[in-house]
PDB file of N, CA and C in Angstrom:
ATOM      1  N   MET A   1      46.962  12.733  33.033  1.00  0.00           N
ATOM      2  CA  MET A   1      45.663  12.529  33.654  1.00  0.00           C
ATOM      3  C   MET A   1      44.590  13.368  32.962  1.00  0.00           C
ATOM      4  N   LEU A   2      44.902  14.660  32.774  1.00  0.00           N
ATOM      5  CA  LEU A   2      43.944  15.561  32.135  1.00  0.00           C
ATOM      6  C   LEU A   2      43.713  15.159  30.683  1.00  0.00           C
ATOM      7  N   ASN A   3      44.779  14.772  29.992  1.00  0.00           N
ATOM      8  CA  ASN A   3      44.640  14.325  28.603  1.00  0.00           C
ATOM      9  C   ASN A   3      43.762  13.086  28.510  1.00  0.00           C
ATOM     10  N   LYS A   4      43.895  12.197  29.490  1.00  0.00           N
ATOM     11  CA  LYS A   4      43.084  10.983  29.498  1.00  0.00           C
ATOM     12  C   LYS A   4      41.604  11.331  29.677  1.00  0.00           C
ATOM     13  N   GLN A   5      41.318  12.286  30.553  1.00  0.00           N
ATOM     14  CA  GLN A   5      39.941  12.705  30.781  1.00  0.00           C
ATOM     15  C   GLN A   5      39.362  13.379  29.534  1.00  0.00           C
ATOM     16  N   VAL A   6      40.177  14.181  28.896  1.00  0.00           N
ATOM     17  CA  VAL A   6      39.734  14.862  27.671  1.00  0.00           C
ATOM     18  C   VAL A   6      39.449  13.825  26.589  1.00  0.00           C
ATOM     19  N   ALA A   7      40.325  12.848  26.451  1.00  0.00           N
ATOM     20  CA  ALA A   7      40.140  11.795  25.449  1.00  0.00           C
ATOM     21  C   ALA A   7      38.879  10.997  25.747  1.00  0.00           C
ATOM     22  N   GLU A   8      38.642  10.680  27.029  1.00  0.00           N
ATOM     23  CA  GLU A   8      37.438   9.941  27.392  1.00  0.00           C
ATOM     24  C   GLU A   8      36.174  10.756  27.085  1.00  0.00           C
ATOM     25  N   ALA A   9      36.227  12.042  27.385  1.00  0.00           N
ATOM     26  CA  ALA A   9      35.085  12.921  27.109  1.00  0.00           C
ATOM     27  C   ALA A   9      34.823  12.997  25.603  1.00  0.00           C
ATOM     28  N   GLU A  10      35.884  13.094  24.822  1.00  0.00           N
ATOM     29  CA  GLU A  10      35.738  13.132  23.367  1.00  0.00           C
ATOM     30  C   GLU A  10      35.158  11.815  22.853  1.00  0.00           C
ATOM     31  N   ASP A  11      35.648  10.703  23.367  1.00  0.00           N
ATOM     32  CA  ASP A  11      35.128   9.391  22.968  1.00  0.00           C
ATOM     33  C   ASP A  11      33.638   9.288  23.297  1.00  0.00           C
ATOM     34  N   LYS A  12      33.278   9.731  24.489  1.00  0.00           N
ATOM     35  CA  LYS A  12      31.874   9.671  24.901  1.00  0.00           C
ATOM     36  C   LYS A  12      31.018  10.542  23.980  1.00  0.00           C
ATOM     37  N   ALA A  13      31.509  11.753  23.683  1.00  0.00           N
ATOM     38  CA  ALA A  13      30.775  12.658  22.794  1.00  0.00           C
ATOM     39  C   ALA A  13      30.642  12.043  21.403  1.00  0.00           C
ATOM     40  N   ASN A  14      31.701  11.417  20.915  1.00  0.00           N
ATOM     41  CA  ASN A  14      31.661  10.775  19.599  1.00  0.00           C
ATOM     42  C   ASN A  14      30.656   9.619  19.578  1.00  0.00           C
ATOM     43  N   ARG A  15      30.662   8.816  20.656  1.00  0.00           N
ATOM     44  CA  ARG A  15      29.706   7.704  20.731  1.00  0.00           C
ATOM     45  C   ARG A  15      28.260   8.220  20.752  1.00  0.00           C
ATOM     46  N   LEU A  16      28.026   9.273  21.531  1.00  0.00           N
ATOM     47  CA  LEU A  16      26.682   9.847  21.576  1.00  0.00           C
ATOM     48  C   LEU A  16      26.259  10.366  20.202  1.00  0.00           C
ATOM     49  N   PHE A  17      27.189  11.045  19.532  1.00  0.00           N
ATOM     50  CA  PHE A  17      26.894  11.575  18.207  1.00  0.00           C
ATOM     51  C   PHE A  17      26.590  10.426  17.236  1.00  0.00           C
ATOM     52  N   GLU A  18      27.393   9.388  17.267  1.00  0.00           N
ATOM     53  CA  GLU A  18      27.166   8.238  16.382  1.00  0.00           C
ATOM     54  C   GLU A  18      25.841   7.559  16.681  1.00  0.00           C
ATOM     55  N   ASP A  19      25.503   7.453  17.968  1.00  0.00           N
ATOM     56  CA  ASP A  19      24.209   6.872  18.343  1.00  0.00           C
ATOM     57  C   ASP A  19      23.053   7.715  17.802  1.00  0.00           C
ATOM     58  N   GLN A  20      23.195   9.030  17.935  1.00  0.00           N
ATOM     59  CA  GLN A  20      22.149   9.926  17.425  1.00  0.00           C
ATOM     60  C   GLN A  20      22.010   9.778  15.913  1.00  0.00           C
ATOM     61  N   GLN A  21      23.120   9.708  15.217  1.00  0.00           N
ATOM     62  CA  GLN A  21      23.086   9.568  13.762  1.00  0.00           C
ATOM     63  C   GLN A  21      22.445   8.241  13.357  1.00  0.00           C
ATOM     64  N   ARG A  22      22.793   7.177  14.085  1.00  0.00           N
ATOM     65  CA  ARG A  22      22.222   5.863  13.795  1.00  0.00           C
ATOM     66  C   ARG A  22      20.715   5.885  14.019  1.00  0.00           C
ATOM     67  N   ARG A  23      20.288   6.496  15.133  1.00  0.00           N
ATOM     68  CA  ARG A  23      18.851   6.565  15.411  1.00  0.00           C
ATOM     69  C   ARG A  23      18.120   7.381  14.351  1.00  0.00           C
ATOM     70  N   LYS A  24      18.714   8.490  13.927  1.00  0.00           N
ATOM     71  CA  LYS A  24      18.101   9.305  12.866  1.00  0.00           C
ATOM     72  C   LYS A  24      17.957   8.491  11.588  1.00  0.00           C
ATOM     73  N   PHE A  25      19.017   7.748  11.247  1.00  0.00           N
ATOM     74  CA  PHE A  25      18.989   6.918  10.047  1.00  0.00           C
ATOM     75  C   PHE A  25      17.901   5.849  10.155  1.00  0.00           C
ATOM     76  N   GLU A  26      17.829   5.186  11.319  1.00  0.00           N
ATOM     77  CA  GLU A  26      16.821   4.142  11.516  1.00  0.00           C
ATOM     78  C   GLU A  26      15.407   4.712  11.448  1.00  0.00           C
ATOM     79  N   MET A  27      15.209   5.894  12.015  1.00  0.00           N
ATOM     80  CA  MET A  27      13.885   6.528  11.959  1.00  0.00           C
ATOM     81  C   MET A  27      13.528   6.885  10.513  1.00  0.00           C
ATOM     82  N   LYS A  28      14.514   7.387   9.790  1.00  0.00           N
ATOM     83  CA  LYS A  28      14.273   7.741   8.384  1.00  0.00           C
ATOM     84  C   LYS A  28      13.904   6.490   7.587  1.00  0.00           C
ATOM     85  N   GLN A  29      14.618   5.394   7.841  1.00  0.00           N
ATOM     86  CA  GLN A  29      14.322   4.131   7.162  1.00  0.00           C
ATOM     87  C   GLN A  29      12.905   3.656   7.496  1.00  0.00           C
ATOM     88  N   ALA A  30      12.519   3.776   8.768  1.00  0.00           N
ATOM     89  CA  ALA A  30      11.183   3.352   9.189  1.00  0.00           C
ATOM     90  C   ALA A  30      10.111   4.192   8.499  1.00  0.00           C
ATOM     91  N   VAL A  31      10.344   5.486   8.382  1.00  0.00           N
ATOM     92  CA  VAL A  31       9.388   6.370   7.708  1.00  0.00           C
ATOM     93  C   VAL A  31       9.281   5.989   6.236  1.00  0.00           C
ATOM     94  N   GLU A  32      10.411   5.731   5.602  1.00  0.00           N
ATOM     95  CA  GLU A  32      10.396   5.351   4.185  1.00  0.00           C
ATOM     96  C   GLU A  32       9.684   4.019   3.976  1.00  0.00           C
ATOM     97  N   ARG A  33       9.908   3.051   4.872  1.00  0.00           N
ATOM     98  CA  ARG A  33       9.199   1.764   4.775  1.00  0.00           C
ATOM     99  C   ARG A  33       7.700   1.966   4.942  1.00  0.00           C
ATOM    100  N   SER A  34       7.341   2.784   5.911  1.00  0.00           N
ATOM    101  CA  SER A  34       5.925   3.041   6.165  1.00  0.00           C
ATOM    102  C   SER A  34       5.282   3.707   4.948  1.00  0.00           C
ATOM    103  N   ARG A  35       5.977   4.661   4.376  1.00  0.00           N
ATOM    104  CA  ARG A  35       5.464   5.365   3.195  1.00  0.00           C
ATOM    105  C   ARG A  35       5.295   4.388   2.026  1.00  0.00           C
ATOM    106  N   ALA A  36       6.275   3.532   1.827  1.00  0.00           N
ATOM    107  CA  ALA A  36       6.202   2.556   0.737  1.00  0.00           C
ATOM    108  C   ALA A  36       5.038   1.586   0.954  1.00  0.00           C
ATOM    109  N   LEU A  37       4.847   1.142   2.202  1.00  0.00           N
ATOM    110  CA  LEU A  37       3.729   0.247   2.499  1.00  0.00           C
ATOM    111  C   LEU A  37       2.396   0.936   2.253  1.00  0.00           C
ATOM    112  N   GLN A  38       2.321   2.218   2.615  1.00  0.00           N
ATOM    113  CA  GLN A  38       1.090   2.977   2.406  1.00  0.00           C
ATOM    114  C   GLN A  38       0.797   3.113   0.907  1.00  0.00           C
ATOM    115  N   ILE A  39       1.813   3.381   0.120  1.00  0.00           N
ATOM    116  CA  ILE A  39       1.640   3.493  -1.331  1.00  0.00           C
ATOM    117  C   ILE A  39       1.191   2.157  -1.903  1.00  0.00           C
ATOM    118  N   ASP A  40       1.831   1.067  -1.466  1.00  0.00           N
ATOM    119  CA  ASP A  40       1.438  -0.266  -1.933  1.00  0.00           C
ATOM    120  C   ASP A  40      -0.005  -0.583  -1.563  1.00  0.00           C
ATOM    121  N   ARG A  41      -0.379  -0.206  -0.337  1.00  0.00           N
ATOM    122  CA  ARG A  41      -1.747  -0.459   0.114  1.00  0.00           C
ATOM    123  C   ARG A  41      -2.750   0.314  -0.747  1.00  0.00           C
ATOM    124  N   LYS A  42      -2.432   1.572  -1.070  1.00  0.00           N
ATOM    125  CA  LYS A  42      -3.321   2.377  -1.922  1.00  0.00           C
ATOM    126  C   LYS A  42      -3.426   1.773  -3.322  1.00  0.00           C
ATOM    127  N   LYS A  43      -2.293   1.316  -3.867  1.00  0.00           N
ATOM    128  CA  LYS A  43      -2.318   0.686  -5.188  1.00  0.00           C
ATOM    129  C   LYS A  43      -3.172  -0.577  -5.171  1.00  0.00           C
ATOM    130  N   GLN A  44      -3.016  -1.381  -4.117  1.00  0.00           N
ATOM    131  CA  GLN A  44      -3.785  -2.619  -4.006  1.00  0.00           C
ATOM    132  C   GLN A  44      -5.274  -2.315  -3.879  1.00  0.00           C
ATOM    133  N   ASN A  45      -5.622  -1.306  -3.074  1.00  0.00           N
ATOM    134  CA  ASN A  45      -7.024  -0.921  -2.931  1.00  0.00           C
ATOM    135  C   ASN A  45      -7.602  -0.468  -4.266  1.00  0.00           C
ATOM    136  N   LYS A  46      -6.823   0.307  -4.999  1.00  0.00           N
ATOM    137  CA  LYS A  46      -7.285   0.795  -6.304  1.00  0.00           C
ATOM    138  C   LYS A  46      -7.477  -0.374  -7.267  1.00  0.00           C
ATOM    139  N   ALA A  47      -6.539  -1.312  -7.261  1.00  0.00           N
ATOM    140  CA  ALA A  47      -6.653  -2.494  -8.124  1.00  0.00           C
ATOM    141  C   ALA A  47      -7.873  -3.322  -7.736  1.00  0.00           C
ATOM    142  N   ASN A  48      -8.120  -3.464  -6.434  1.00  0.00           N
ATOM    143  CA  ASN A  48      -9.297  -4.208  -5.969  1.00  0.00           C
ATOM    144  C   ASN A  48     -10.587  -3.531  -6.421  1.00  0.00           C
ATOM    145  N   GLU A  49     -10.635  -2.192  -6.314  1.00  0.00           N
ATOM    146  CA  GLU A  49     -11.823  -1.462  -6.743  1.00  0.00           C
ATOM    147  C   GLU A  49     -12.065  -1.636  -8.247  1.00  0.00           C
ATOM    148  N   LYS A  50     -10.985  -1.562  -9.025  1.00  0.00           N
ATOM    149  CA  LYS A  50     -11.121  -1.747 -10.476  1.00  0.00           C
ATOM    150  C   LYS A  50     -11.654  -3.137 -10.796  1.00  0.00           C
ATOM    151  N   GLN A  51     -11.129  -4.153 -10.089  1.00  0.00           N
ATOM    152  CA  GLN A  51     -11.580  -5.521 -10.324  1.00  0.00           C
ATOM    153  C   GLN A  51     -13.047  -5.675  -9.942  1.00  0.00           C
ATOM    154  N   GLU A  52     -13.452  -5.057  -8.833  1.00  0.00           N
ATOM    155  CA  GLU A  52     -14.856  -5.120  -8.421  1.00  0.00           C
ATOM    156  C   GLU A  52     -15.756  -4.479  -9.466  1.00  0.00           C
ATOM    157  N   GLU A  53     -15.323  -3.322  -9.993  1.00  0.00           N
ATOM    158  CA  GLU A  53     -16.103  -2.642 -11.035  1.00  0.00           C
ATOM    159  C   GLU A  53     -16.203  -3.519 -12.276  1.00  0.00           C
ATOM    160  N   LYS A  54     -15.099  -4.147 -12.641  1.00  0.00           N
ATOM    161  CA  LYS A  54     -15.079  -5.026 -13.815  1.00  0.00           C
ATOM    162  C   LYS A  54     -16.015  -6.221 -13.600  1.00  0.00           C
ATOM    163  N   ASP A  55     -15.940  -6.839 -12.420  1.00  0.00           N
ATOM    164  CA  ASP A  55     -16.808  -7.975 -12.105  1.00  0.00           C
ATOM    165  C   ASP A  55     -18.281  -7.566 -12.120  1.00  0.00           C
ATOM    166  N   PHE A  56     -18.577  -6.401 -11.536  1.00  0.00           N
ATOM    167  CA  PHE A  56     -19.949  -5.897 -11.486  1.00  0.00           C
ATOM    168  C   PHE A  56     -20.469  -5.650 -12.904  1.00  0.00           C
ATOM    169  N   SER A  57     -19.627  -5.020 -13.711  1.00  0.00           N
ATOM    170  CA  SER A  57     -20.003  -4.742 -15.097  1.00  0.00           C
ATOM    171  C   SER A  57     -20.242  -6.035 -15.864  1.00  0.00           C
ATOM    172  N   GLU A  58     -19.377  -7.020 -15.685  1.00  0.00           N
ATOM    173  CA  GLU A  58     -19.520  -8.301 -16.365  1.00  0.00           C
ATOM    174  C   GLU A  58     -20.794  -9.020 -15.910  1.00  0.00           C
ATOM    175  N   PHE A  59     -21.079  -8.968 -14.601  1.00  0.00           N
ATOM    176  CA  PHE A  59     -22.293  -9.589 -14.078  1.00  0.00           C
ATOM    177  C   PHE A  59     -23.524  -9.000 -14.764  1.00  0.00           C
ATOM    178  N   TRP A  60     -23.583  -7.668 -14.852  1.00  0.00           N
ATOM    179  CA  TRP A  60     -24.771  -7.043 -15.447  1.00  0.00           C
ATOM    180  C   TRP A  60     -24.826  -7.244 -16.953  1.00  0.00           C
ATOM    181  N   ARG A  61     -23.676  -7.350 -17.610  1.00  0.00           N
ATOM    182  CA  ARG A  61     -23.677  -7.632 -19.054  1.00  0.00           C
ATOM    183  C   ARG A  61     -24.302  -9.009 -19.296  1.00  0.00           C
ATOM    184  N   VAL A  62     -23.862 -10.004 -18.530  1.00  0.00           N
ATOM    185  CA  VAL A  62     -24.392 -11.360 -18.667  1.00  0.00           C
ATOM    186  C   VAL A  62     -25.875 -11.381 -18.286  1.00  0.00           C
ATOM    187  N   ARG A  63     -26.214 -10.693 -17.222  1.00  0.00           N
ATOM    188  CA  ARG A  63     -27.607 -10.671 -16.759  1.00  0.00           C
ATOM    189  C   ARG A  63     -28.516 -10.031 -17.809  1.00  0.00           C
ATOM    190  N   ASN A  64     -28.068  -8.962 -18.428  1.00  0.00           N
ATOM    191  CA  ASN A  64     -28.861  -8.310 -19.476  1.00  0.00           C
ATOM    192  C   ASN A  64     -29.041  -9.233 -20.684  1.00  0.00           C
ATOM    193  N   GLU A  65     -27.986  -9.970 -21.037  1.00  0.00           N
ATOM    194  CA  GLU A  65     -28.103 -10.929 -22.139  1.00  0.00           C
ATOM    195  C   GLU A  65     -29.144 -11.997 -21.801  1.00  0.00           C
ATOM    196  N   GLU A  66     -29.108 -12.476 -20.555  1.00  0.00           N
ATOM    197  CA  GLU A  66     -30.082 -13.488 -20.134  1.00  0.00           C
ATOM    198  C   GLU A  66     -31.505 -12.933 -20.211  1.00  0.00           C
ATOM    199  N   LEU A  67     -31.678 -11.698 -19.757  1.00  0.00           N
ATOM    200  CA  LEU A  67     -33.009 -11.087 -19.794  1.00  0.00           C
ATOM    201  C   LEU A  67     -33.492 -10.897 -21.235  1.00  0.00           C
ATOM    202  N   GLN A  68     -32.591 -10.477 -22.107  1.00  0.00           N
ATOM    203  CA  GLN A  68     -32.967 -10.301 -23.515  1.00  0.00           C
ATOM    204  C   GLN A  68     -33.354 -11.637 -24.144  1.00  0.00           C
ATOM    205  N   MET A  69     -32.591 -12.681 -23.806  1.00  0.00           N
ATOM    206  CA  MET A  69     -32.926 -14.006 -24.340  1.00  0.00           C
ATOM    207  C   MET A  69     -34.279 -14.463 -23.810  1.00  0.00           C
ATOM    208  N   ALA A  70     -34.545 -14.208 -22.527  1.00  0.00           N
ATOM    209  CA  ALA A  70     -35.828 -14.601 -21.934  1.00  0.00           C
ATOM    210  C   ALA A  70     -36.971 -13.839 -22.594  1.00  0.00           C
ATOM    211  N   GLU A  71     -36.766 -12.552 -22.838  1.00  0.00           N
ATOM    212  CA  GLU A  71     -37.804 -11.754 -23.505  1.00  0.00           C
ATOM    213  C   GLU A  71     -38.040 -12.240 -24.925  1.00  0.00           C
ATOM    214  N   ALA A  72     -36.960 -12.552 -25.621  1.00  0.00           N
ATOM    215  CA  ALA A  72     -37.086 -13.056 -26.986  1.00  0.00           C
ATOM    216  C   ALA A  72     -37.832 -14.381 -26.984  1.00  0.00           C
ATOM    217  N   GLN A  73     -37.556 -15.229 -26.026  1.00  0.00           N
ATOM    218  CA  GLN A  73     -38.254 -16.530 -25.923  1.00  0.00           C
ATOM    219  C   GLN A  73     -39.751 -16.311 -25.661  1.00  0.00           C
ATOM    220  N   GLU A  74     -40.064 -15.369 -24.779  1.00  0.00           N
ATOM    221  CA  GLU A  74     -41.459 -15.088 -24.488  1.00  0.00           C
ATOM    222  C   GLU A  74     -42.192 -14.595 -25.748  1.00  0.00           C
ATOM    223  N   ARG A  75     -41.526 -13.724 -26.498  1.00  0.00           N
ATOM    224  CA  ARG A  75     -42.141 -13.219 -27.751  1.00  0.00           C
ATOM    225  C   ARG A  75     -42.357 -14.360 -28.735  1.00  0.00           C
ATOM    226  N   ASP A  76     -41.348 -15.229 -28.823  1.00  0.00           N
ATOM    227  CA  ASP A  76     -41.485 -16.369 -29.757  1.00  0.00           C
ATOM    228  C   ASP A  76     -42.628 -17.284 -29.314  1.00  0.00           C
ATOM    229  N   GLU A  77     -42.773 -17.482 -28.014  1.00  0.00           N
ATOM    230  CA  GLU A  77     -43.844 -18.343 -27.506  1.00  0.00           C
ATOM    231  C   GLU A  77     -45.220 -17.724 -27.741  1.00  0.00           C
ATOM    232  N   GLU A  78     -45.299 -16.418 -27.704  1.00  0.00           N
ATOM    233  CA  GLU A  78     -46.584 -15.724 -27.920  1.00  0.00           C
ATOM    234  C   GLU A  78     -47.021 -15.840 -29.381  1.00  0.00           C
ATOM    235  N   LYS A  79     -46.070 -15.955 -30.281  1.00  0.00           N
ATOM    236  CA  LYS A  79     -46.411 -16.043 -31.711  1.00  0.00           C
ATOM    237  C   LYS A  79     -46.936 -17.361 -32.056  1.00  0.00           C
TER     238      LYS A  79
END
């Protein structure tokens, strides 16, 4: 009888320990996933900013060319 109670107590303690270990593992996995998502989000934001800068730069390059052509046309018309 006493051995059975001891065995049951040990089984219960083992199950609790295994549950705790599983929960710790799951929490660690969740933290790692969250960290990876955060890193990906930062990379994507940085890539978006670079693309915006590139687009802005290209817009002004084209716009400056248009303005120079317009100025050149005006000078030619004045002559």
